[in-house]
Amino acid sequence: MNLQIFGSKKCKDSKKAQLFFQERRIPFQFINIQEKPMSKGELQAVLSSLKLDDLIDTESKVYEDKNLKYMTYDKEAALLENPMLLKTPVVRDGRKATVGMQIDVWKKWIEESKK
């Protein structure tokens, strides 16, 4: 497994995702999106298994501040420009990715990696 967890240090679910993998002694790389936003290539890799709409946190402060609910906008560009629009955690293992707490999926990944 080659796990990356994209999240922020203030996000409770990002902390829970880290703890989930730590408890199972699964190595991962945590990427704080406030310090190092997701690159276009990373976003494309995530989008190979997720929908763009699933990645946008419609309850975030950035979403409200920019009034995106009532606007037509380039969602991919918005995520690259405003990393705090990203719903977290985004957990990625190669071309596979999840958004939010997806413990059942992560358990399947772990089982598959043992085969």
PDB file of N, CA and C in Angstrom:
ATOM      1  N   MET A   1       0.848  -1.191   0.000  1.00  0.00           N
ATOM      2  CA  MET A   1       0.000   0.000   0.000  1.00  0.00           C
ATOM      3  C   MET A   1       0.886   1.244   0.000  1.00  0.00           C
ATOM      4  N   ASN A   2       0.430   2.241  -0.711  1.00  0.00           N
ATOM      5  CA  ASN A   2       1.135   3.516  -0.774  1.00  0.00           C
ATOM      6  C   ASN A   2       0.111   4.616  -0.486  1.00  0.00           C
ATOM      7  N   LEU A   3      -0.228   4.764   0.782  1.00  0.00           N
ATOM      8  CA  LEU A   3      -1.337   5.644   1.179  1.00  0.00           C
ATOM      9  C   LEU A   3      -0.921   7.095   1.353  1.00  0.00           C
ATOM     10  N   GLN A   4      -1.822   7.959   0.910  1.00  0.00           N
ATOM     11  CA  GLN A   4      -1.719   9.384   1.186  1.00  0.00           C
ATOM     12  C   GLN A   4      -3.043   9.808   1.791  1.00  0.00           C
ATOM     13  N   ILE A   5      -2.958  10.633   2.821  1.00  0.00           N
ATOM     14  CA  ILE A   5      -4.163  11.215   3.424  1.00  0.00           C
ATOM     15  C   ILE A   5      -4.059  12.721   3.257  1.00  0.00           C
ATOM     16  N   PHE A   6      -4.989  13.276   2.499  1.00  0.00           N
ATOM     17  CA  PHE A   6      -5.070  14.725   2.328  1.00  0.00           C
ATOM     18  C   PHE A   6      -6.103  15.229   3.320  1.00  0.00           C
ATOM     19  N   GLY A   7      -5.694  16.177   4.143  1.00  0.00           N
ATOM     20  CA  GLY A   7      -6.605  16.727   5.134  1.00  0.00           C
ATOM     21  C   GLY A   7      -5.990  17.955   5.768  1.00  0.00           C
ATOM     22  N   SER A   8      -6.608  18.390   6.855  1.00  0.00           N
ATOM     23  CA  SER A   8      -6.043  19.514   7.594  1.00  0.00           C
ATOM     24  C   SER A   8      -5.894  19.093   9.051  1.00  0.00           C
ATOM     25  N   LYS A   9      -5.013  19.765   9.737  1.00  0.00           N
ATOM     26  CA  LYS A   9      -4.748  19.416  11.128  1.00  0.00           C
ATOM     27  C   LYS A   9      -5.944  19.705  12.026  1.00  0.00           C
ATOM     28  N   LYS A  10      -6.831  20.589  11.592  1.00  0.00           N
ATOM     29  CA  LYS A  10      -7.998  20.943  12.393  1.00  0.00           C
ATOM     30  C   LYS A  10      -9.193  20.023  12.133  1.00  0.00           C
ATOM     31  N   CYS A  11      -9.126  19.207  11.087  1.00  0.00           N
ATOM     32  CA  CYS A  11     -10.246  18.340  10.700  1.00  0.00           C
ATOM     33  C   CYS A  11     -10.275  17.076  11.557  1.00  0.00           C
ATOM     34  N   LYS A  12     -11.370  16.876  12.270  1.00  0.00           N
ATOM     35  CA  LYS A  12     -11.498  15.708  13.148  1.00  0.00           C
ATOM     36  C   LYS A  12     -11.488  14.404  12.357  1.00  0.00           C
ATOM     37  N   ASP A  13     -12.140  14.395  11.198  1.00  0.00           N
ATOM     38  CA  ASP A  13     -12.164  13.178  10.398  1.00  0.00           C
ATOM     39  C   ASP A  13     -10.786  12.842   9.833  1.00  0.00           C
ATOM     40  N   SER A  14      -9.995  13.862   9.519  1.00  0.00           N
ATOM     41  CA  SER A  14      -8.620  13.617   9.058  1.00  0.00           C
ATOM     42  C   SER A  14      -7.805  12.956  10.169  1.00  0.00           C
ATOM     43  N   LYS A  15      -8.013  13.415  11.392  1.00  0.00           N
ATOM     44  CA  LYS A  15      -7.316  12.826  12.542  1.00  0.00           C
ATOM     45  C   LYS A  15      -7.769  11.380  12.753  1.00  0.00           C
ATOM     46  N   LYS A  16      -9.073  11.131  12.584  1.00  0.00           N
ATOM     47  CA  LYS A  16      -9.599   9.773  12.747  1.00  0.00           C
ATOM     48  C   LYS A  16      -9.032   8.842  11.681  1.00  0.00           C
ATOM     49  N   ALA A  17      -8.900   9.332  10.456  1.00  0.00           N
ATOM     50  CA  ALA A  17      -8.336   8.518   9.375  1.00  0.00           C
ATOM     51  C   ALA A  17      -6.889   8.154   9.694  1.00  0.00           C
ATOM     52  N   GLN A  18      -6.124   9.131  10.183  1.00  0.00           N
ATOM     53  CA  GLN A  18      -4.736   8.854  10.552  1.00  0.00           C
ATOM     54  C   GLN A  18      -4.673   7.796  11.653  1.00  0.00           C
ATOM     55  N   LEU A  19      -5.524   7.955  12.641  1.00  0.00           N
ATOM     56  CA  LEU A  19      -5.550   7.016  13.760  1.00  0.00           C
ATOM     57  C   LEU A  19      -5.923   5.610  13.285  1.00  0.00           C
ATOM     58  N   PHE A  20      -6.885   5.508  12.363  1.00  0.00           N
ATOM     59  CA  PHE A  20      -7.302   4.224  11.816  1.00  0.00           C
ATOM     60  C   PHE A  20      -6.098   3.466  11.249  1.00  0.00           C
ATOM     61  N   PHE A  21      -5.298   4.142  10.438  1.00  0.00           N
ATOM     62  CA  PHE A  21      -4.153   3.478   9.817  1.00  0.00           C
ATOM     63  C   PHE A  21      -3.002   3.275  10.800  1.00  0.00           C
ATOM     64  N   GLN A  22      -2.817   4.204  11.723  1.00  0.00           N
ATOM     65  CA  GLN A  22      -1.764   4.048  12.741  1.00  0.00           C
ATOM     66  C   GLN A  22      -2.034   2.817  13.605  1.00  0.00           C
ATOM     67  N   GLU A  23      -3.290   2.630  14.021  1.00  0.00           N
ATOM     68  CA  GLU A  23      -3.649   1.493  14.872  1.00  0.00           C
ATOM     69  C   GLU A  23      -3.378   0.161  14.174  1.00  0.00           C
ATOM     70  N   ARG A  24      -3.435   0.164  12.846  1.00  0.00           N
ATOM     71  CA  ARG A  24      -3.207  -1.058  12.062  1.00  0.00           C
ATOM     72  C   ARG A  24      -1.778  -1.152  11.538  1.00  0.00           C
ATOM     73  N   ARG A  25      -0.955  -0.199  11.968  1.00  0.00           N
ATOM     74  CA  ARG A  25       0.456  -0.134  11.574  1.00  0.00           C
ATOM     75  C   ARG A  25       0.615  -0.102  10.051  1.00  0.00           C
ATOM     76  N   ILE A  26      -0.256   0.660   9.402  1.00  0.00           N
ATOM     77  CA  ILE A  26      -0.197   0.860   7.954  1.00  0.00           C
ATOM     78  C   ILE A  26       0.481   2.206   7.718  1.00  0.00           C
ATOM     79  N   PRO A  27       1.640   2.215   7.050  1.00  0.00           N
ATOM     80  CA  PRO A  27       2.306   3.501   6.803  1.00  0.00           C
ATOM     81  C   PRO A  27       1.518   4.365   5.823  1.00  0.00           C
ATOM     82  N   PHE A  28       1.556   5.667   6.053  1.00  0.00           N
ATOM     83  CA  PHE A  28       0.877   6.618   5.175  1.00  0.00           C
ATOM     84  C   PHE A  28       1.618   7.938   5.209  1.00  0.00           C
ATOM     85  N   GLN A  29       1.314   8.749   4.223  1.00  0.00           N
ATOM     86  CA  GLN A  29       1.857  10.110   4.178  1.00  0.00           C
ATOM     87  C   GLN A  29       0.687  11.056   4.402  1.00  0.00           C
ATOM     88  N   PHE A  30       0.786  11.898   5.425  1.00  0.00           N
ATOM     89  CA  PHE A  30      -0.263  12.896   5.666  1.00  0.00           C
ATOM     90  C   PHE A  30       0.136  14.191   4.977  1.00  0.00           C
ATOM     91  N   ILE A  31      -0.765  14.725   4.176  1.00  0.00           N
ATOM     92  CA  ILE A  31      -0.522  15.986   3.484  1.00  0.00           C
ATOM     93  C   ILE A  31      -1.525  17.011   3.992  1.00  0.00           C
ATOM     94  N   ASN A  32      -1.007  18.011   4.690  1.00  0.00           N
ATOM     95  CA  ASN A  32      -1.839  19.095   5.205  1.00  0.00           C
ATOM     96  C   ASN A  32      -2.141  20.044   4.047  1.00  0.00           C
ATOM     97  N   ILE A  33      -3.391  20.059   3.609  1.00  0.00           N
ATOM     98  CA  ILE A  33      -3.743  20.859   2.425  1.00  0.00           C
ATOM     99  C   ILE A  33      -3.634  22.355   2.674  1.00  0.00           C
ATOM    100  N   GLN A  34      -3.574  22.765   3.945  1.00  0.00           N
ATOM    101  CA  GLN A  34      -3.389  24.186   4.237  1.00  0.00           C
ATOM    102  C   GLN A  34      -1.954  24.612   3.926  1.00  0.00           C
ATOM    103  N   GLU A  35      -1.015  23.689   4.073  1.00  0.00           N
ATOM    104  CA  GLU A  35       0.392  23.991   3.809  1.00  0.00           C
ATOM    105  C   GLU A  35       0.808  23.609   2.398  1.00  0.00           C
ATOM    106  N   LYS A  36       0.291  22.491   1.901  1.00  0.00           N
ATOM    107  CA  LYS A  36       0.662  22.003   0.575  1.00  0.00           C
ATOM    108  C   LYS A  36      -0.609  21.536  -0.134  1.00  0.00           C
ATOM    109  N   PRO A  37      -1.213  22.408  -0.930  1.00  0.00           N
ATOM    110  CA  PRO A  37      -2.450  22.032  -1.625  1.00  0.00           C
ATOM    111  C   PRO A  37      -2.220  20.876  -2.595  1.00  0.00           C
ATOM    112  N   MET A  38      -3.289  20.201  -2.924  1.00  0.00           N
ATOM    113  CA  MET A  38      -3.243  19.103  -3.876  1.00  0.00           C
ATOM    114  C   MET A  38      -2.825  19.641  -5.250  1.00  0.00           C
ATOM    115  N   SER A  39      -1.899  18.959  -5.899  1.00  0.00           N
ATOM    116  CA  SER A  39      -1.463  19.383  -7.232  1.00  0.00           C
ATOM    117  C   SER A  39      -2.496  18.932  -8.267  1.00  0.00           C
ATOM    118  N   LYS A  40      -2.375  19.464  -9.466  1.00  0.00           N
ATOM    119  CA  LYS A  40      -3.301  19.091 -10.531  1.00  0.00           C
ATOM    120  C   LYS A  40      -3.211  17.598 -10.824  1.00  0.00           C
ATOM    121  N   GLY A  41      -1.986  17.047 -10.839  1.00  0.00           N
ATOM    122  CA  GLY A  41      -1.794  15.619 -11.070  1.00  0.00           C
ATOM    123  C   GLY A  41      -2.422  14.766  -9.985  1.00  0.00           C
ATOM    124  N   GLU A  42      -2.258  15.191  -8.730  1.00  0.00           N
ATOM    125  CA  GLU A  42      -2.869  14.457  -7.619  1.00  0.00           C
ATOM    126  C   GLU A  42      -4.388  14.501  -7.715  1.00  0.00           C
ATOM    127  N   LEU A  43      -4.917  15.668  -8.064  1.00  0.00           N
ATOM    128  CA  LEU A  43      -6.365  15.806  -8.210  1.00  0.00           C
ATOM    129  C   LEU A  43      -6.868  14.902  -9.334  1.00  0.00           C
ATOM    130  N   GLN A  44      -6.150  14.845 -10.447  1.00  0.00           N
ATOM    131  CA  GLN A  44      -6.544  13.978 -11.562  1.00  0.00           C
ATOM    132  C   GLN A  44      -6.543  12.506 -11.131  1.00  0.00           C
ATOM    133  N   ALA A  45      -5.539  12.097 -10.356  1.00  0.00           N
ATOM    134  CA  ALA A  45      -5.474  10.715  -9.877  1.00  0.00           C
ATOM    135  C   ALA A  45      -6.667  10.401  -8.975  1.00  0.00           C
ATOM    136  N   VAL A  46      -7.029  11.340  -8.119  1.00  0.00           N
ATOM    137  CA  VAL A  46      -8.182  11.155  -7.235  1.00  0.00           C
ATOM    138  C   VAL A  46      -9.469  11.090  -8.057  1.00  0.00           C
ATOM    139  N   LEU A  47      -9.557  11.924  -9.085  1.00  0.00           N
ATOM    140  CA  LEU A  47     -10.769  11.974  -9.915  1.00  0.00           C
ATOM    141  C   LEU A  47     -10.948  10.723 -10.775  1.00  0.00           C
ATOM    142  N   SER A  48      -9.920   9.889 -10.864  1.00  0.00           N
ATOM    143  CA  SER A  48     -10.078   8.646 -11.617  1.00  0.00           C
ATOM    144  C   SER A  48     -11.002   7.672 -10.877  1.00  0.00           C
ATOM    145  N   SER A  49     -11.212   7.893  -9.586  1.00  0.00           N
ATOM    146  CA  SER A  49     -12.121   7.020  -8.846  1.00  0.00           C
ATOM    147  C   SER A  49     -13.220   7.764  -8.075  1.00  0.00           C
ATOM    148  N   LEU A  50     -13.202   9.080  -8.111  1.00  0.00           N
ATOM    149  CA  LEU A  50     -14.236   9.867  -7.432  1.00  0.00           C
ATOM    150  C   LEU A  50     -14.813  10.910  -8.382  1.00  0.00           C
ATOM    151  N   LYS A  51     -16.010  11.366  -8.069  1.00  0.00           N
ATOM    152  CA  LYS A  51     -16.621  12.445  -8.853  1.00  0.00           C
ATOM    153  C   LYS A  51     -16.186  13.789  -8.283  1.00  0.00           C
ATOM    154  N   LEU A  52     -16.038  14.749  -9.158  1.00  0.00           N
ATOM    155  CA  LEU A  52     -15.609  16.092  -8.756  1.00  0.00           C
ATOM    156  C   LEU A  52     -16.567  16.693  -7.723  1.00  0.00           C
ATOM    157  N   ASP A  53     -17.863  16.510  -7.933  1.00  0.00           N
ATOM    158  CA  ASP A  53     -18.852  17.070  -7.000  1.00  0.00           C
ATOM    159  C   ASP A  53     -18.710  16.501  -5.589  1.00  0.00           C
ATOM    160  N   ASP A  54     -18.234  15.244  -5.488  1.00  0.00           N
ATOM    161  CA  ASP A  54     -18.068  14.618  -4.170  1.00  0.00           C
ATOM    162  C   ASP A  54     -16.934  15.247  -3.372  1.00  0.00           C
ATOM    163  N   LEU A  55     -15.995  15.899  -4.064  1.00  0.00           N
ATOM    164  CA  LEU A  55     -14.832  16.472  -3.398  1.00  0.00           C
ATOM    165  C   LEU A  55     -15.071  17.857  -2.825  1.00  0.00           C
ATOM    166  N   ILE A  56     -16.117  18.525  -3.286  1.00  0.00           N
ATOM    167  CA  ILE A  56     -16.350  19.901  -2.853  1.00  0.00           C
ATOM    168  C   ILE A  56     -17.176  19.926  -1.571  1.00  0.00           C
ATOM    169  N   ASP A  57     -16.632  20.572  -0.567  1.00  0.00           N
ATOM    170  CA  ASP A  57     -17.297  20.691   0.727  1.00  0.00           C
ATOM    171  C   ASP A  57     -18.241  21.891   0.685  1.00  0.00           C
ATOM    172  N   THR A  58     -19.508  21.600   0.431  1.00  0.00           N
ATOM    173  CA  THR A  58     -20.507  22.669   0.299  1.00  0.00           C
ATOM    174  C   THR A  58     -20.851  23.309   1.641  1.00  0.00           C
ATOM    175  N   GLU A  59     -20.305  22.748   2.735  1.00  0.00           N
ATOM    176  CA  GLU A  59     -20.552  23.322   4.054  1.00  0.00           C
ATOM    177  C   GLU A  59     -19.338  24.092   4.586  1.00  0.00           C
ATOM    178  N   SER A  60     -18.319  24.236   3.744  1.00  0.00           N
ATOM    179  CA  SER A  60     -17.100  24.917   4.200  1.00  0.00           C
ATOM    180  C   SER A  60     -17.280  26.431   4.216  1.00  0.00           C
ATOM    181  N   LYS A  61     -16.454  27.073   5.007  1.00  0.00           N
ATOM    182  CA  LYS A  61     -16.470  28.539   5.101  1.00  0.00           C
ATOM    183  C   LYS A  61     -16.097  29.164   3.760  1.00  0.00           C
ATOM    184  N   VAL A  62     -15.138  28.574   3.058  1.00  0.00           N
ATOM    185  CA  VAL A  62     -14.712  29.093   1.747  1.00  0.00           C
ATOM    186  C   VAL A  62     -15.875  29.055   0.762  1.00  0.00           C
ATOM    187  N   TYR A  63     -16.635  27.969   0.774  1.00  0.00           N
ATOM    188  CA  TYR A  63     -17.787  27.825  -0.124  1.00  0.00           C
ATOM    189  C   TYR A  63     -18.800  28.936   0.134  1.00  0.00           C
ATOM    190  N   GLU A  64     -19.052  29.203   1.408  1.00  0.00           N
ATOM    191  CA  GLU A  64     -19.993  30.260   1.772  1.00  0.00           C
ATOM    192  C   GLU A  64     -19.441  31.640   1.458  1.00  0.00           C
ATOM    193  N   ASP A  65     -18.168  31.876   1.823  1.00  0.00           N
ATOM    194  CA  ASP A  65     -17.556  33.194   1.611  1.00  0.00           C
ATOM    195  C   ASP A  65     -17.507  33.583   0.138  1.00  0.00           C
ATOM    196  N   LYS A  66     -17.268  32.609  -0.714  1.00  0.00           N
ATOM    197  CA  LYS A  66     -17.185  32.888  -2.146  1.00  0.00           C
ATOM    198  C   LYS A  66     -18.557  32.818  -2.813  1.00  0.00           C
ATOM    199  N   ASN A  67     -19.581  32.500  -2.018  1.00  0.00           N
ATOM    200  CA  ASN A  67     -20.956  32.460  -2.502  1.00  0.00           C
ATOM    201  C   ASN A  67     -21.116  31.511  -3.694  1.00  0.00           C
ATOM    202  N   LEU A  68     -20.445  30.370  -3.641  1.00  0.00           N
ATOM    203  CA  LEU A  68     -20.420  29.432  -4.760  1.00  0.00           C
ATOM    204  C   LEU A  68     -21.744  28.710  -4.982  1.00  0.00           C
ATOM    205  N   LYS A  69     -22.596  28.724  -3.979  1.00  0.00           N
ATOM    206  CA  LYS A  69     -23.892  28.057  -4.106  1.00  0.00           C
ATOM    207  C   LYS A  69     -24.699  28.646  -5.257  1.00  0.00           C
ATOM    208  N   TYR A  70     -24.527  29.924  -5.493  1.00  0.00           N
ATOM    209  CA  TYR A  70     -25.338  30.616  -6.490  1.00  0.00           C
ATOM    210  C   TYR A  70     -24.570  30.952  -7.762  1.00  0.00           C
ATOM    211  N   MET A  71     -23.372  30.370  -7.912  1.00  0.00           N
ATOM    212  CA  MET A  71     -22.530  30.715  -9.055  1.00  0.00           C
ATOM    213  C   MET A  71     -22.250  29.491  -9.916  1.00  0.00           C
ATOM    214  N   THR A  72     -21.981  29.752 -11.179  1.00  0.00           N
ATOM    215  CA  THR A  72     -21.440  28.728 -12.060  1.00  0.00           C
ATOM    216  C   THR A  72     -19.938  28.954 -12.072  1.00  0.00           C
ATOM    217  N   TYR A  73     -19.173  27.895 -11.819  1.00  0.00           N
ATOM    218  CA  TYR A  73     -17.730  28.050 -11.710  1.00  0.00           C
ATOM    219  C   TYR A  73     -17.040  26.758 -12.134  1.00  0.00           C
ATOM    220  N   ASP A  74     -15.774  26.855 -12.464  1.00  0.00           N
ATOM    221  CA  ASP A  74     -14.950  25.708 -12.819  1.00  0.00           C
ATOM    222  C   ASP A  74     -14.551  25.020 -11.513  1.00  0.00           C
ATOM    223  N   LYS A  75     -15.170  23.892 -11.232  1.00  0.00           N
ATOM    224  CA  LYS A  75     -14.981  23.228  -9.940  1.00  0.00           C
ATOM    225  C   LYS A  75     -13.547  22.751  -9.739  1.00  0.00           C
ATOM    226  N   GLU A  76     -12.942  22.232 -10.789  1.00  0.00           N
ATOM    227  CA  GLU A  76     -11.569  21.749 -10.664  1.00  0.00           C
ATOM    228  C   GLU A  76     -10.618  22.907 -10.350  1.00  0.00           C
ATOM    229  N   ALA A  77     -10.772  24.010 -11.076  1.00  0.00           N
ATOM    230  CA  ALA A  77      -9.935  25.189 -10.831  1.00  0.00           C
ATOM    231  C   ALA A  77     -10.178  25.732  -9.422  1.00  0.00           C
ATOM    232  N   ALA A  78     -11.425  25.732  -8.980  1.00  0.00           N
ATOM    233  CA  ALA A  78     -11.753  26.230  -7.642  1.00  0.00           C
ATOM    234  C   ALA A  78     -11.061  25.386  -6.567  1.00  0.00           C
ATOM    235  N   LEU A  79     -11.046  24.057  -6.746  1.00  0.00           N
ATOM    236  CA  LEU A  79     -10.371  23.185  -5.767  1.00  0.00           C
ATOM    237  C   LEU A  79      -8.866  23.419  -5.745  1.00  0.00           C
ATOM    238  N   LEU A  80      -8.287  23.662  -6.920  1.00  0.00           N
ATOM    239  CA  LEU A  80      -6.848  23.899  -6.980  1.00  0.00           C
ATOM    240  C   LEU A  80      -6.478  25.256  -6.378  1.00  0.00           C
ATOM    241  N   GLU A  81      -7.339  26.243  -6.555  1.00  0.00           N
ATOM    242  CA  GLU A  81      -7.073  27.587  -6.021  1.00  0.00           C
ATOM    243  C   GLU A  81      -7.399  27.709  -4.540  1.00  0.00           C
ATOM    244  N   ASN A  82      -8.405  26.975  -4.086  1.00  0.00           N
ATOM    245  CA  ASN A  82      -8.877  27.061  -2.697  1.00  0.00           C
ATOM    246  C   ASN A  82      -8.884  25.668  -2.077  1.00  0.00           C
ATOM    247  N   PRO A  83      -7.755  25.195  -1.581  1.00  0.00           N
ATOM    248  CA  PRO A  83      -7.700  23.827  -1.058  1.00  0.00           C
ATOM    249  C   PRO A  83      -8.658  23.558   0.094  1.00  0.00           C
ATOM    250  N   MET A  84      -9.089  24.596   0.790  1.00  0.00           N
ATOM    251  CA  MET A  84     -10.015  24.392   1.901  1.00  0.00           C
ATOM    252  C   MET A  84     -11.444  24.115   1.422  1.00  0.00           C
ATOM    253  N   LEU A  85     -11.661  24.108   0.099  1.00  0.00           N
ATOM    254  CA  LEU A  85     -12.948  23.681  -0.462  1.00  0.00           C
ATOM    255  C   LEU A  85     -13.043  22.157  -0.500  1.00  0.00           C
ATOM    256  N   LEU A  86     -11.919  21.495  -0.327  1.00  0.00           N
ATOM    257  CA  LEU A  86     -11.846  20.044  -0.423  1.00  0.00           C
ATOM    258  C   LEU A  86     -12.490  19.397   0.795  1.00  0.00           C
ATOM    259  N   LYS A  87     -13.395  18.472   0.539  1.00  0.00           N
ATOM    260  CA  LYS A  87     -13.991  17.689   1.620  1.00  0.00           C
ATOM    261  C   LYS A  87     -12.913  16.712   2.098  1.00  0.00           C
ATOM    262  N   THR A  88     -12.678  16.645   3.381  1.00  0.00           N
ATOM    263  CA  THR A  88     -11.589  15.823   3.896  1.00  0.00           C
ATOM    264  C   THR A  88     -12.095  14.764   4.861  1.00  0.00           C
ATOM    265  N   PRO A  89     -11.351  13.710   5.065  1.00  0.00           N
ATOM    266  CA  PRO A  89     -10.075  13.395   4.436  1.00  0.00           C
ATOM    267  C   PRO A  89     -10.264  12.763   3.059  1.00  0.00           C
ATOM    268  N   VAL A  90      -9.295  12.996   2.192  1.00  0.00           N
ATOM    269  CA  VAL A  90      -9.210  12.267   0.931  1.00  0.00           C
ATOM    270  C   VAL A  90      -8.077  11.269   1.135  1.00  0.00           C
ATOM    271  N   VAL A  91      -8.416   9.997   1.066  1.00  0.00           N
ATOM    272  CA  VAL A  91      -7.425   8.936   1.256  1.00  0.00           C
ATOM    273  C   VAL A  91      -7.193   8.296  -0.101  1.00  0.00           C
ATOM    274  N   ARG A  92      -5.925   8.221  -0.480  1.00  0.00           N
ATOM    275  CA  ARG A  92      -5.576   7.737  -1.810  1.00  0.00           C
ATOM    276  C   ARG A  92      -4.552   6.610  -1.708  1.00  0.00           C
ATOM    277  N   ASP A  93      -4.801   5.557  -2.464  1.00  0.00           N
ATOM    278  CA  ASP A  93      -3.855   4.448  -2.599  1.00  0.00           C
ATOM    279  C   ASP A  93      -3.699   4.205  -4.096  1.00  0.00           C
ATOM    280  N   GLY A  94      -2.711   4.848  -4.685  1.00  0.00           N
ATOM    281  CA  GLY A  94      -2.525   4.756  -6.139  1.00  0.00           C
ATOM    282  C   GLY A  94      -3.678   5.433  -6.864  1.00  0.00           C
ATOM    283  N   ARG A  95      -4.389   4.654  -7.675  1.00  0.00           N
ATOM    284  CA  ARG A  95      -5.536   5.198  -8.425  1.00  0.00           C
ATOM    285  C   ARG A  95      -6.852   5.063  -7.668  1.00  0.00           C
ATOM    286  N   LYS A  96      -6.825   4.406  -6.519  1.00  0.00           N
ATOM    287  CA  LYS A  96      -8.032   4.271  -5.700  1.00  0.00           C
ATOM    288  C   LYS A  96      -8.076   5.430  -4.714  1.00  0.00           C
ATOM    289  N   ALA A  97      -9.270   5.961  -4.483  1.00  0.00           N
ATOM    290  CA  ALA A  97      -9.392   7.078  -3.547  1.00  0.00           C
ATOM    291  C   ALA A  97     -10.775   7.081  -2.908  1.00  0.00           C
ATOM    292  N   THR A  98     -10.812   7.640  -1.705  1.00  0.00           N
ATOM    293  CA  THR A  98     -12.081   7.844  -1.002  1.00  0.00           C
ATOM    294  C   THR A  98     -12.107   9.258  -0.461  1.00  0.00           C
ATOM    295  N   VAL A  99     -13.300   9.739  -0.191  1.00  0.00           N
ATOM    296  CA  VAL A  99     -13.460  11.037   0.453  1.00  0.00           C
ATOM    297  C   VAL A  99     -14.340  10.831   1.681  1.00  0.00           C
ATOM    298  N   GLY A 100     -13.957  11.461   2.782  1.00  0.00           N
ATOM    299  CA  GLY A 100     -14.687  11.284   4.029  1.00  0.00           C
ATOM    300  C   GLY A 100     -14.266   9.992   4.714  1.00  0.00           C
ATOM    301  N   MET A 101     -14.946   9.657   5.771  1.00  0.00           N
ATOM    302  CA  MET A 101     -14.645   8.441   6.529  1.00  0.00           C
ATOM    303  C   MET A 101     -15.242   7.235   5.808  1.00  0.00           C
ATOM    304  N   GLN A 102     -14.386   6.407   5.262  1.00  0.00           N
ATOM    305  CA  GLN A 102     -14.811   5.229   4.497  1.00  0.00           C
ATOM    306  C   GLN A 102     -14.115   3.989   5.046  1.00  0.00           C
ATOM    307  N   ILE A 103     -14.337   3.709   6.305  1.00  0.00           N
ATOM    308  CA  ILE A 103     -13.626   2.641   7.002  1.00  0.00           C
ATOM    309  C   ILE A 103     -13.806   1.289   6.319  1.00  0.00           C
ATOM    310  N   ASP A 104     -15.008   0.961   5.855  1.00  0.00           N
ATOM    311  CA  ASP A 104     -15.231  -0.329   5.204  1.00  0.00           C
ATOM    312  C   ASP A 104     -14.380  -0.475   3.944  1.00  0.00           C
ATOM    313  N   VAL A 105     -14.257   0.596   3.171  1.00  0.00           N
ATOM    314  CA  VAL A 105     -13.437   0.574   1.966  1.00  0.00           C
ATOM    315  C   VAL A 105     -11.975   0.407   2.338  1.00  0.00           C
ATOM    316  N   TRP A 106     -11.524   1.126   3.345  1.00  0.00           N
ATOM    317  CA  TRP A 106     -10.121   1.039   3.767  1.00  0.00           C
ATOM    318  C   TRP A 106      -9.789  -0.380   4.240  1.00  0.00           C
ATOM    319  N   LYS A 107     -10.733  -1.007   4.953  1.00  0.00           N
ATOM    320  CA  LYS A 107     -10.512  -2.381   5.411  1.00  0.00           C
ATOM    321  C   LYS A 107     -10.354  -3.315   4.207  1.00  0.00           C
ATOM    322  N   LYS A 108     -11.143  -3.101   3.154  1.00  0.00           N
ATOM    323  CA  LYS A 108     -11.022  -3.918   1.933  1.00  0.00           C
ATOM    324  C   LYS A 108      -9.648  -3.711   1.297  1.00  0.00           C
ATOM    325  N   TRP A 109      -9.186  -2.469   1.253  1.00  0.00           N
ATOM    326  CA  TRP A 109      -7.860  -2.190   0.694  1.00  0.00           C
ATOM    327  C   TRP A 109      -6.784  -2.951   1.456  1.00  0.00           C
ATOM    328  N   ILE A 110      -6.896  -2.945   2.782  1.00  0.00           N
ATOM    329  CA  ILE A 110      -5.903  -3.629   3.621  1.00  0.00           C
ATOM    330  C   ILE A 110      -5.926  -5.123   3.342  1.00  0.00           C
ATOM    331  N   GLU A 111      -7.131  -5.713   3.269  1.00  0.00           N
ATOM    332  CA  GLU A 111      -7.267  -7.143   2.983  1.00  0.00           C
ATOM    333  C   GLU A 111      -6.681  -7.472   1.602  1.00  0.00           C
ATOM    334  N   GLU A 112      -6.981  -6.641   0.602  1.00  0.00           N
ATOM    335  CA  GLU A 112      -6.463  -6.877  -0.750  1.00  0.00           C
ATOM    336  C   GLU A 112      -4.944  -6.800  -0.786  1.00  0.00           C
ATOM    337  N   SER A 113      -4.368  -5.920   0.018  1.00  0.00           N
ATOM    338  CA  SER A 113      -2.910  -5.767   0.013  1.00  0.00           C
ATOM    339  C   SER A 113      -2.203  -6.960   0.652  1.00  0.00           C
ATOM    340  N   LYS A 114      -2.925  -7.724   1.453  1.00  0.00           N
ATOM    341  CA  LYS A 114      -2.342  -8.895   2.119  1.00  0.00           C
ATOM    342  C   LYS A 114      -2.301 -10.113   1.212  1.00  0.00           C
ATOM    343  N   LYS A 115      -3.054 -10.083   0.124  1.00  0.00           N
ATOM    344  CA  LYS A 115      -3.143 -11.253  -0.781  1.00  0.00           C
ATOM    345  C   LYS A 115      -1.929 -11.375  -1.649  1.00  0.00           C
TER     346      LYS A 115
END
